[in-house]
Protein backbone atom coordinates (compact mmCIF):
# COMPACT_ATOMS: atom_id res chain seq x y z
CA MET A 1 5.82 -19.08 -14.61
CA MET A 2 9.02 -18.04 -16.32
CA GLY A 3 10.38 -21.40 -15.02
CA VAL A 4 8.15 -23.35 -16.10
CA GLY A 5 8.08 -21.51 -19.75
CA ALA A 6 11.81 -22.31 -19.59
CA VAL A 7 11.42 -25.95 -19.86
CA SER A 8 7.85 -26.34 -21.15
CA LYS A 9 6.40 -24.86 -23.93
CA ASP A 10 2.47 -26.07 -22.43
CA VAL A 11 0.12 -23.50 -22.77
CA LYS A 12 -2.22 -25.80 -20.13
CA THR A 13 1.04 -26.34 -17.89
CA MET A 14 2.25 -22.61 -17.47
CA MET A 15 -1.73 -21.67 -16.43
CA LEU A 16 -1.42 -23.85 -14.19
CA THR A 17 1.53 -22.56 -12.81
CA GLY A 18 0.52 -19.79 -12.72
CA VAL A 19 -2.92 -20.31 -11.16
CA ALA A 20 -1.17 -21.72 -8.52
CA GLY A 21 0.93 -19.91 -7.51
CA LEU A 22 -1.93 -17.01 -7.99
CA VAL A 23 -3.69 -19.10 -4.80
CA ALA A 24 -0.59 -19.85 -3.19
CA GLY A 25 1.39 -16.25 -2.98
CA ALA A 26 -2.99 -14.87 -2.30
CA CYS A 27 -2.75 -17.97 0.67
CA SER A 28 0.03 -16.93 1.97
CA MET A 29 -0.17 -13.27 2.79
CA ALA A 30 -3.60 -14.08 4.03
CA ILE A 31 -2.49 -16.41 6.61
CA GLY A 32 0.76 -14.26 6.82
CA GLU A 33 -2.15 -10.96 7.80
CA PHE A 34 -4.63 -13.09 10.14
CA VAL A 35 -1.95 -14.39 12.76
CA SER A 36 -0.72 -10.39 12.53
CA VAL A 37 -3.61 -9.44 13.72
CA TYR A 38 -4.60 -11.11 15.61
CA SER A 39 -1.28 -11.83 17.73
CA GLN A 40 -1.77 -7.80 17.95
CA TYR A 41 -4.90 -8.03 19.25
CA ASP A 42 -3.78 -10.12 22.05
CA ILE A 43 -0.87 -8.75 22.91
CA GLU A 44 -3.64 -5.53 22.57
CA LEU A 45 -6.49 -7.36 24.71
CA ARG A 46 -4.24 -8.48 27.17
CA VAL A 47 -1.30 -6.36 28.21
CA PRO A 48 -3.11 -2.67 28.39
CA LEU A 49 -6.12 -3.96 30.22
CA LEU A 50 -4.60 -5.29 32.77
CA GLY A 51 -2.23 -2.02 33.01
CA ALA A 52 -4.58 0.42 32.81
CA ALA A 53 -7.54 -2.03 35.53
CA PHE A 54 -7.56 -0.26 38.78
CA VAL A 55 -6.51 2.92 38.16
CA LYS A 56 -9.60 5.11 39.20
CA SER A 57 -7.74 8.57 38.10
CA TYR A 58 -7.85 9.47 33.77
CA LYS A 59 -4.12 10.93 33.65
CA LEU A 60 -2.90 8.43 35.35
CA ARG A 61 -4.66 5.98 33.97
CA LEU A 62 -3.25 6.66 30.35
CA GLY A 63 0.01 6.68 31.70
CA VAL A 64 -0.15 4.00 32.96
CA LEU A 65 -1.29 2.46 29.67
CA LEU A 66 1.54 4.01 27.78
CA ALA A 67 4.23 2.69 30.19
CA VAL A 68 2.17 -0.70 30.01
CA VAL A 69 2.65 -0.53 25.92
CA THR A 70 5.44 0.82 26.23
CA LEU A 71 7.66 -2.04 27.28
CA ALA A 72 5.24 -4.41 25.33
CA LEU A 73 6.11 -2.64 22.72
CA LEU A 74 10.08 -2.62 23.41
CA LEU A 75 9.86 -6.39 24.67
CA PHE A 76 7.61 -7.65 21.77
CA GLY A 77 9.82 -5.02 19.36
CA ASP A 78 13.35 -6.96 20.08
CA LEU A 79 12.09 -10.23 20.17
CA ALA A 80 11.09 -9.98 16.99
CA ALA A 81 13.92 -8.53 15.88
CA ILE A 82 15.92 -11.38 17.68
CA LEU A 83 13.30 -14.31 15.92
CA GLY A 84 14.33 -12.50 13.24
CA LYS A 85 17.68 -11.88 13.62
CA ALA A 86 17.72 -7.86 12.44
CA PRO A 87 19.08 -5.01 14.22
CA ARG A 88 17.46 -4.86 17.46
CA VAL A 89 17.82 -1.36 18.08
CA LYS A 90 16.94 -0.48 14.71
CA SER A 91 14.63 -3.10 14.75
CA THR A 92 12.65 -2.43 18.52
CA LEU A 93 12.46 1.80 18.18
CA ARG A 94 10.10 1.09 14.69
CA VAL A 95 8.20 -0.99 16.63
CA LEU A 96 7.93 1.31 19.83
CA ILE A 97 7.56 3.87 17.31
CA GLY A 98 5.47 2.92 15.18
CA GLY A 99 3.63 1.66 17.94
CA TRP A 100 2.88 5.07 19.82
CA MET A 101 2.14 6.86 16.69
CA ALA A 102 -0.42 4.72 15.59
CA MET A 103 -2.08 5.59 19.01
CA ALA A 104 -1.82 9.38 19.48
CA ILE A 105 -3.71 8.51 16.08
CA THR A 106 -6.42 6.86 17.25
CA PHE A 107 -6.45 8.79 20.16
CA GLY A 108 -6.73 12.26 18.53
CA LEU A 109 -9.21 11.25 15.75
CA THR A 110 -11.29 9.75 19.01
CA LYS A 111 -11.10 12.99 20.87
CA LEU A 112 -11.94 14.91 17.25
CA VAL A 113 -14.60 13.07 16.50
CA ASP A 114 -16.22 13.09 20.58
CA HIS A 115 -15.19 16.77 20.33
CA VAL A 116 -17.50 16.57 17.02
CA GLY A 117 -20.00 14.53 18.59
CA VAL A 118 -20.58 12.53 15.17
């Protein structure tokens, strides 16, 4: 709006530009979030499910699951860093640690809910 305001004093043009920018920004954020969520969903559904599907022991299954997800987080974190031209180690570790934190929080809260009996 500031750019349009610099070259046009017409209020209708400024308002139209503002609304168009608002809609474009909202759509961009919504589509970005949609793609991000469904990419993560696809990864979660394929990598751990296959990694732990054939393991009968509970503790071993959790270990296999953690190993498979860790590998996937490392691979996809590195790929994202390469495609985004970001520092590979820092970016990959951020994805790995964030994934581990999400898994730990999910596991802990689910155990708590199960223990409390909610």
